[in-house]
């Protein structure tokens, strides 16, 4: 039997344990977390820090590499693996689907292996963590990535193995593209090696922390509106 037709009982049991709740407010929180638009302020803060601490050409290189990184992380998941493996999302599986707690009518696309949300967020978190070399920023980045990926389990649109595969590929991709950035930096920007300490101003990270805090406040407030609308 093909892998795409085989769903382990562990995958199902863990998904059902994490999927949904009796709380409309928590539904609203997870529905808001999973939306890319929720985190635009956070993305803006990251780009601000890069521009503030690098010359224009170096900033452009970073932005291009980040764009390529997200494209690779997303397209390997959505453009290659999902149509190749054709593993149903839980919400589309004829056996598991009826057991899933659907939030806001959202079921996602037909296939779910592996999670592009997990791949994208962990790729970005890994790249910027290696770039900034700040423990506190890295913690916040991976909290953000974990929240985004957990929301996919809560909404029932991915199995745990979809998530684990996605985050593994994302972390790997983040390391590869940071290595590529180090190579470009060594060749064109006179960087001698991979940085082991941060060359970014610590006070600029305050913008990132503030953006994350404001995004979380927005999530909590918007979830109230979501709960009141049902």
C-alpha atoms as a PDB file:
ATOM      1  CA  UNK A   1       0.000   0.000   0.000  1.00  0.00           C
ATOM      2  CA  UNK A   2       1.342   3.460  -0.933  1.00  0.00           C
ATOM      3  CA  UNK A   3       2.459   5.896   1.741  1.00  0.00           C
ATOM      4  CA  UNK A   4      -0.182   8.403   0.632  1.00  0.00           C
ATOM      5  CA  UNK A   5      -2.872   5.813   1.432  1.00  0.00           C
ATOM      6  CA  UNK A   6      -1.436   4.922   4.824  1.00  0.00           C
ATOM      7  CA  UNK A   7      -2.152   7.147   7.826  1.00  0.00           C
ATOM      8  CA  UNK A   8      -0.705   5.946  11.098  1.00  0.00           C
ATOM      9  CA  UNK A   9      -2.982   5.722  14.102  1.00  0.00           C
ATOM     10  CA  UNK A  10      -0.488   7.881  15.989  1.00  0.00           C
ATOM     11  CA  UNK A  11      -0.906  10.632  13.448  1.00  0.00           C
ATOM     12  CA  UNK A  12      -4.674  10.482  13.731  1.00  0.00           C
ATOM     13  CA  UNK A  13      -4.791  10.273  17.518  1.00  0.00           C
ATOM     14  CA  UNK A  14      -2.417  13.197  18.039  1.00  0.00           C
ATOM     15  CA  UNK A  15      -4.200  15.311  15.455  1.00  0.00           C
ATOM     16  CA  UNK A  16      -7.591  14.710  17.057  1.00  0.00           C
ATOM     17  CA  UNK A  17      -6.134  15.580  20.470  1.00  0.00           C
ATOM     18  CA  UNK A  18      -4.845  18.924  19.149  1.00  0.00           C
ATOM     19  CA  UNK A  19      -7.643  19.782  16.737  1.00  0.00           C
ATOM     20  CA  UNK A  20     -10.244  22.350  17.756  1.00  0.00           C
ATOM     21  CA  UNK A  21     -11.871  23.100  21.085  1.00  0.00           C
ATOM     22  CA  UNK A  22     -15.182  24.120  22.623  1.00  0.00           C
ATOM     23  CA  UNK A  23     -14.048  27.763  22.717  1.00  0.00           C
ATOM     24  CA  UNK A  24     -15.019  30.168  19.949  1.00  0.00           C
ATOM     25  CA  UNK A  25     -12.474  32.599  21.355  1.00  0.00           C
ATOM     26  CA  UNK A  26      -9.645  30.085  20.940  1.00  0.00           C
ATOM     27  CA  UNK A  27     -10.971  29.337  17.460  1.00  0.00           C
ATOM     28  CA  UNK A  28     -10.639  33.039  16.703  1.00  0.00           C
ATOM     29  CA  UNK A  29      -7.092  33.157  18.052  1.00  0.00           C
ATOM     30  CA  UNK A  30      -5.941  30.250  15.903  1.00  0.00           C
ATOM     31  CA  UNK A  31      -7.813  31.500  12.852  1.00  0.00           C
ATOM     32  CA  UNK A  32      -6.039  34.850  13.171  1.00  0.00           C
ATOM     33  CA  UNK A  33      -2.605  33.346  13.882  1.00  0.00           C
ATOM     34  CA  UNK A  34      -2.698  31.214  10.752  1.00  0.00           C
ATOM     35  CA  UNK A  35      -3.297  34.216   8.451  1.00  0.00           C
ATOM     36  CA  UNK A  36      -0.137  35.644   6.873  1.00  0.00           C
ATOM     37  CA  UNK A  37      -1.559  39.181   6.976  1.00  0.00           C
ATOM     38  CA  UNK A  38      -1.588  39.032  10.787  1.00  0.00           C
ATOM     39  CA  UNK A  39       2.216  39.157  10.829  1.00  0.00           C
ATOM     40  CA  UNK A  40       2.891  41.952   8.339  1.00  0.00           C
ATOM     41  CA  UNK A  41       4.064  44.267  11.125  1.00  0.00           C
ATOM     42  CA  UNK A  42       6.528  41.613  12.288  1.00  0.00           C
ATOM     43  CA  UNK A  43       7.885  41.167   8.768  1.00  0.00           C
ATOM     44  CA  UNK A  44       8.247  44.924   8.442  1.00  0.00           C
ATOM     45  CA  UNK A  45      10.262  45.034  11.672  1.00  0.00           C
ATOM     46  CA  UNK A  46      12.647  42.362  10.386  1.00  0.00           C
ATOM     47  CA  UNK A  47      13.221  44.254   7.169  1.00  0.00           C
ATOM     48  CA  UNK A  48      13.703  47.507   9.098  1.00  0.00           C
ATOM     49  CA  UNK A  49      16.460  45.920  11.185  1.00  0.00           C
ATOM     50  CA  UNK A  50      18.203  44.632   8.066  1.00  0.00           C
ATOM     51  CA  UNK A  51      18.085  48.018   6.314  1.00  0.00           C
ATOM     52  CA  UNK A  52      19.157  49.887   9.453  1.00  0.00           C
ATOM     53  CA  UNK A  53      22.237  47.736  10.005  1.00  0.00           C
ATOM     54  CA  UNK A  54      23.488  47.063   6.469  1.00  0.00           C
ATOM     55  CA  UNK A  55      24.527  48.950   3.387  1.00  0.00           C
ATOM     56  CA  UNK A  56      22.023  49.069   0.549  1.00  0.00           C
ATOM     57  CA  UNK A  57      23.673  46.377  -1.605  1.00  0.00           C
ATOM     58  CA  UNK A  58      23.986  44.010   1.339  1.00  0.00           C
ATOM     59  CA  UNK A  59      20.369  44.603   2.318  1.00  0.00           C
ATOM     60  CA  UNK A  60      19.253  43.848  -1.230  1.00  0.00           C
ATOM     61  CA  UNK A  61      21.197  40.588  -1.199  1.00  0.00           C
ATOM     62  CA  UNK A  62      19.491  39.584   2.057  1.00  0.00           C
ATOM     63  CA  UNK A  63      16.029  40.460   0.710  1.00  0.00           C
ATOM     64  CA  UNK A  64      16.633  38.534  -2.517  1.00  0.00           C
ATOM     65  CA  UNK A  65      17.861  35.490  -0.611  1.00  0.00           C
ATOM     66  CA  UNK A  66      14.877  35.639   1.771  1.00  0.00           C
ATOM     67  CA  UNK A  67      12.500  35.848  -1.198  1.00  0.00           C
ATOM     68  CA  UNK A  68      14.212  32.871  -2.833  1.00  0.00           C
ATOM     69  CA  UNK A  69      14.222  30.972   0.463  1.00  0.00           C
ATOM     70  CA  UNK A  70      10.472  31.394   0.989  1.00  0.00           C
ATOM     71  CA  UNK A  71       9.814  30.536  -2.656  1.00  0.00           C
ATOM     72  CA  UNK A  72      11.827  27.318  -2.378  1.00  0.00           C
ATOM     73  CA  UNK A  73      10.316  26.376   0.990  1.00  0.00           C
ATOM     74  CA  UNK A  74       6.807  27.005  -0.310  1.00  0.00           C
ATOM     75  CA  UNK A  75       7.111  25.472  -3.766  1.00  0.00           C
ATOM     76  CA  UNK A  76       8.868  22.283  -2.699  1.00  0.00           C
ATOM     77  CA  UNK A  77       5.944  21.711  -0.337  1.00  0.00           C
ATOM     78  CA  UNK A  78       3.028  23.005  -2.440  1.00  0.00           C
ATOM     79  CA  UNK A  79       4.332  22.706  -5.969  1.00  0.00           C
ATOM     80  CA  UNK A  80       6.198  19.394  -5.753  1.00  0.00           C
ATOM     81  CA  UNK A  81       5.419  17.255  -2.706  1.00  0.00           C
ATOM     82  CA  UNK A  82       1.666  17.810  -2.389  1.00  0.00           C
ATOM     83  CA  UNK A  83       0.833  16.841  -5.985  1.00  0.00           C
ATOM     84  CA  UNK A  84       3.504  14.109  -5.924  1.00  0.00           C
ATOM     85  CA  UNK A  85       2.399  12.309  -2.742  1.00  0.00           C
ATOM     86  CA  UNK A  86      -1.290  13.283  -2.996  1.00  0.00           C
ATOM     87  CA  UNK A  87      -1.865  12.720   0.695  1.00  0.00           C
ATOM     88  CA  UNK A  88      -5.285  14.021   1.658  1.00  0.00           C
ATOM     89  CA  UNK A  89      -5.505  16.752   4.240  1.00  0.00           C
ATOM     90  CA  UNK A  90      -7.401  15.517   7.306  1.00  0.00           C
ATOM     91  CA  UNK A  91     -10.297  17.796   6.343  1.00  0.00           C
ATOM     92  CA  UNK A  92     -10.543  16.114   2.931  1.00  0.00           C
ATOM     93  CA  UNK A  93      -9.912  12.537   4.031  1.00  0.00           C
ATOM     94  CA  UNK A  94     -13.111  10.484   3.690  1.00  0.00           C
ATOM     95  CA  UNK A  95     -12.407   8.585   6.943  1.00  0.00           C
ATOM     96  CA  UNK A  96     -10.795  11.216   9.167  1.00  0.00           C
ATOM     97  CA  UNK A  97     -12.652  14.230   7.763  1.00  0.00           C
ATOM     98  CA  UNK A  98     -15.940  13.665   9.626  1.00  0.00           C
ATOM     99  CA  UNK A  99     -14.019  13.629  12.939  1.00  0.00           C
ATOM    100  CA  UNK A 100     -12.336  16.998  12.353  1.00  0.00           C
ATOM    101  CA  UNK A 101     -13.553  20.123  14.102  1.00  0.00           C
ATOM    102  CA  UNK A 102     -13.780  22.618  11.231  1.00  0.00           C
ATOM    103  CA  UNK A 103     -13.184  26.287  12.076  1.00  0.00           C
ATOM    104  CA  UNK A 104     -14.892  28.994  10.023  1.00  0.00           C
ATOM    105  CA  UNK A 105     -15.583  26.502   7.236  1.00  0.00           C
ATOM    106  CA  UNK A 106     -11.864  26.330   6.409  1.00  0.00           C
ATOM    107  CA  UNK A 107     -10.627  23.053   4.912  1.00  0.00           C
ATOM    108  CA  UNK A 108      -7.559  24.089   2.906  1.00  0.00           C
ATOM    109  CA  UNK A 109      -6.522  22.515  -0.368  1.00  0.00           C
ATOM    110  CA  UNK A 110      -7.052  18.863  -1.170  1.00  0.00           C
ATOM    111  CA  UNK A 111      -3.558  17.613  -0.309  1.00  0.00           C
ATOM    112  CA  UNK A 112      -1.445  18.358   2.755  1.00  0.00           C
ATOM    113  CA  UNK A 113       1.963  16.617   2.686  1.00  0.00           C
ATOM    114  CA  UNK A 114       3.926  18.488   3.650  1.00  0.00           C
ATOM    115  CA  UNK A 115       2.965  21.728   5.381  1.00  0.00           C
ATOM    116  CA  UNK A 116       4.078  24.841   3.507  1.00  0.00           C
ATOM    117  CA  UNK A 117       3.177  26.935   6.591  1.00  0.00           C
ATOM    118  CA  UNK A 118       5.670  24.948   8.680  1.00  0.00           C
ATOM    119  CA  UNK A 119       8.266  25.025   5.930  1.00  0.00           C
ATOM    120  CA  UNK A 120       7.972  28.773   5.301  1.00  0.00           C
ATOM    121  CA  UNK A 121       7.889  29.922   8.917  1.00  0.00           C
ATOM    122  CA  UNK A 122      10.733  27.729  10.143  1.00  0.00           C
ATOM    123  CA  UNK A 123      12.828  28.586   7.087  1.00  0.00           C
ATOM    124  CA  UNK A 124      12.426  32.299   7.798  1.00  0.00           C
ATOM    125  CA  UNK A 125      12.941  31.895  11.546  1.00  0.00           C
ATOM    126  CA  UNK A 126      16.128  29.889  11.014  1.00  0.00           C
ATOM    127  CA  UNK A 127      17.601  32.310   8.476  1.00  0.00           C
ATOM    128  CA  UNK A 128      16.973  35.415  10.585  1.00  0.00           C
ATOM    129  CA  UNK A 129      18.104  33.685  13.780  1.00  0.00           C
ATOM    130  CA  UNK A 130      21.426  32.872  12.120  1.00  0.00           C
ATOM    131  CA  UNK A 131      21.628  36.337  10.631  1.00  0.00           C
ATOM    132  CA  UNK A 132      20.943  38.297  13.831  1.00  0.00           C
ATOM    133  CA  UNK A 133      22.761  35.971  16.278  1.00  0.00           C
ATOM    134  CA  UNK A 134      20.612  37.114  19.206  1.00  0.00           C
ATOM    135  CA  UNK A 135      19.311  34.500  21.643  1.00  0.00           C
ATOM    136  CA  UNK A 136      16.235  36.524  22.612  1.00  0.00           C
ATOM    137  CA  UNK A 137      15.334  37.311  19.002  1.00  0.00           C
ATOM    138  CA  UNK A 138      15.800  33.649  18.065  1.00  0.00           C
ATOM    139  CA  UNK A 139      13.459  32.581  20.869  1.00  0.00           C
ATOM    140  CA  UNK A 140      10.755  34.968  19.675  1.00  0.00           C
ATOM    141  CA  UNK A 141      11.238  33.893  16.051  1.00  0.00           C
ATOM    142  CA  UNK A 142      10.771  30.213  16.899  1.00  0.00           C
ATOM    143  CA  UNK A 143       7.818  30.974  19.181  1.00  0.00           C
ATOM    144  CA  UNK A 144       6.235  32.720  16.190  1.00  0.00           C
ATOM    145  CA  UNK A 145       6.992  29.789  13.870  1.00  0.00           C
ATOM    146  CA  UNK A 146       5.650  27.296  16.432  1.00  0.00           C
ATOM    147  CA  UNK A 147       2.419  29.255  16.906  1.00  0.00           C
ATOM    148  CA  UNK A 148       1.859  29.366  13.140  1.00  0.00           C
ATOM    149  CA  UNK A 149       2.463  25.642  12.716  1.00  0.00           C
ATOM    150  CA  UNK A 150       0.398  24.681  15.764  1.00  0.00           C
ATOM    151  CA  UNK A 151      -2.509  26.646  14.319  1.00  0.00           C
ATOM    152  CA  UNK A 152      -2.506  24.250  11.348  1.00  0.00           C
ATOM    153  CA  UNK A 153      -3.011  21.301  13.691  1.00  0.00           C
ATOM    154  CA  UNK A 154      -5.695  23.143  15.648  1.00  0.00           C
ATOM    155  CA  UNK A 155      -7.550  23.922  12.415  1.00  0.00           C
ATOM    156  CA  UNK A 156      -7.238  20.271  11.392  1.00  0.00           C
ATOM    157  CA  UNK A 157      -5.663  20.930   8.000  1.00  0.00           C
ATOM    158  CA  UNK A 158      -2.443  18.969   8.611  1.00  0.00           C
ATOM    159  CA  UNK A 159      -1.294  15.784  10.309  1.00  0.00           C
ATOM    160  CA  UNK A 160       1.603  16.009  12.782  1.00  0.00           C
ATOM    161  CA  UNK A 161       3.909  14.298  10.266  1.00  0.00           C
ATOM    162  CA  UNK A 162       3.020  16.986   7.700  1.00  0.00           C
ATOM    163  CA  UNK A 163       4.154  19.568  10.240  1.00  0.00           C
ATOM    164  CA  UNK A 164       7.311  17.714  11.308  1.00  0.00           C
ATOM    165  CA  UNK A 165       8.408  17.200   7.707  1.00  0.00           C
ATOM    166  CA  UNK A 166       7.692  20.832   6.868  1.00  0.00           C
ATOM    167  CA  UNK A 167       9.591  22.296   9.799  1.00  0.00           C
ATOM    168  CA  UNK A 168      12.549  19.958   9.177  1.00  0.00           C
ATOM    169  CA  UNK A 169      12.746  21.037   5.556  1.00  0.00           C
ATOM    170  CA  UNK A 170      12.301  24.671   6.594  1.00  0.00           C
ATOM    171  CA  UNK A 171      15.156  24.567   9.121  1.00  0.00           C
ATOM    172  CA  UNK A 172      17.397  22.825   6.586  1.00  0.00           C
ATOM    173  CA  UNK A 173      16.546  25.423   3.926  1.00  0.00           C
ATOM    174  CA  UNK A 174      17.215  28.271   6.361  1.00  0.00           C
ATOM    175  CA  UNK A 175      20.692  26.901   7.079  1.00  0.00           C
ATOM    176  CA  UNK A 176      21.455  26.398   3.386  1.00  0.00           C
ATOM    177  CA  UNK A 177      20.439  29.925   2.427  1.00  0.00           C
ATOM    178  CA  UNK A 178      22.325  31.455   5.339  1.00  0.00           C
ATOM    179  CA  UNK A 179      25.404  29.545   4.214  1.00  0.00           C
ATOM    180  CA  UNK A 180      24.818  30.945   0.728  1.00  0.00           C
ATOM    181  CA  UNK A 181      24.575  34.445   2.216  1.00  0.00           C
ATOM    182  CA  UNK A 182      27.874  33.896   4.046  1.00  0.00           C
ATOM    183  CA  UNK A 183      29.488  32.786   0.784  1.00  0.00           C
ATOM    184  CA  UNK A 184      28.212  35.860  -1.062  1.00  0.00           C
ATOM    185  CA  UNK A 185      29.293  38.084   1.830  1.00  0.00           C
ATOM    186  CA  UNK A 186      32.790  36.614   1.854  1.00  0.00           C
ATOM    187  CA  UNK A 187      33.168  37.069  -1.875  1.00  0.00           C
ATOM    188  CA  UNK A 188      31.571  40.476  -2.386  1.00  0.00           C
ATOM    189  CA  UNK A 189      31.354  42.226   0.996  1.00  0.00           C
ATOM    190  CA  UNK A 190      34.698  41.291   2.564  1.00  0.00           C
ATOM    191  CA  UNK A 191      33.156  39.141   5.278  1.00  0.00           C
ATOM    192  CA  UNK A 192      35.773  36.672   6.473  1.00  0.00           C
ATOM    193  CA  UNK A 193      33.474  33.884   7.671  1.00  0.00           C
ATOM    194  CA  UNK A 194      30.114  33.036   9.171  1.00  0.00           C
ATOM    195  CA  UNK A 195      29.374  35.466  11.986  1.00  0.00           C
ATOM    196  CA  UNK A 196      29.319  33.896  15.448  1.00  0.00           C
ATOM    197  CA  UNK A 197      28.302  37.113  17.215  1.00  0.00           C
ATOM    198  CA  UNK A 198      25.690  39.657  16.257  1.00  0.00           C
ATOM    199  CA  UNK A 199      26.772  42.735  14.303  1.00  0.00           C
ATOM    200  CA  UNK A 200      23.276  44.187  14.658  1.00  0.00           C
ATOM    201  CA  UNK A 201      22.501  46.961  17.136  1.00  0.00           C
ATOM    202  CA  UNK A 202      20.641  45.546  20.124  1.00  0.00           C
ATOM    203  CA  UNK A 203      18.413  48.604  20.452  1.00  0.00           C
ATOM    204  CA  UNK A 204      17.046  47.930  16.953  1.00  0.00           C
ATOM    205  CA  UNK A 205      15.752  44.566  18.155  1.00  0.00           C
ATOM    206  CA  UNK A 206      13.316  46.496  20.373  1.00  0.00           C
ATOM    207  CA  UNK A 207      11.358  47.282  17.213  1.00  0.00           C
ATOM    208  CA  UNK A 208      11.040  43.547  16.556  1.00  0.00           C
ATOM    209  CA  UNK A 209       9.889  42.805  20.117  1.00  0.00           C
ATOM    210  CA  UNK A 210       7.350  45.621  19.931  1.00  0.00           C
ATOM    211  CA  UNK A 211       6.038  44.366  16.582  1.00  0.00           C
ATOM    212  CA  UNK A 212       5.601  40.860  17.967  1.00  0.00           C
ATOM    213  CA  UNK A 213       3.836  42.162  21.090  1.00  0.00           C
ATOM    214  CA  UNK A 214       1.486  44.364  19.038  1.00  0.00           C
ATOM    215  CA  UNK A 215       0.719  41.464  16.708  1.00  0.00           C
ATOM    216  CA  UNK A 216      -0.200  39.300  19.692  1.00  0.00           C
ATOM    217  CA  UNK A 217      -2.454  42.048  21.080  1.00  0.00           C
ATOM    218  CA  UNK A 218      -4.127  42.318  17.679  1.00  0.00           C
ATOM    219  CA  UNK A 219      -4.716  38.543  17.676  1.00  0.00           C
ATOM    220  CA  UNK A 220      -6.356  38.636  21.112  1.00  0.00           C
ATOM    221  CA  UNK A 221      -8.590  41.578  20.176  1.00  0.00           C
ATOM    222  CA  UNK A 222      -9.594  40.206  16.790  1.00  0.00           C
ATOM    223  CA  UNK A 223     -10.461  36.869  18.379  1.00  0.00           C
ATOM    224  CA  UNK A 224     -13.052  38.691  20.507  1.00  0.00           C
ATOM    225  CA  UNK A 225     -14.705  39.990  17.360  1.00  0.00           C
ATOM    226  CA  UNK A 226     -14.598  36.495  15.853  1.00  0.00           C
ATOM    227  CA  UNK A 227     -16.272  34.956  18.934  1.00  0.00           C
ATOM    228  CA  UNK A 228     -18.987  37.629  18.972  1.00  0.00           C
ATOM    229  CA  UNK A 229     -19.776  37.068  15.293  1.00  0.00           C
ATOM    230  CA  UNK A 230     -20.940  33.475  15.885  1.00  0.00           C
END
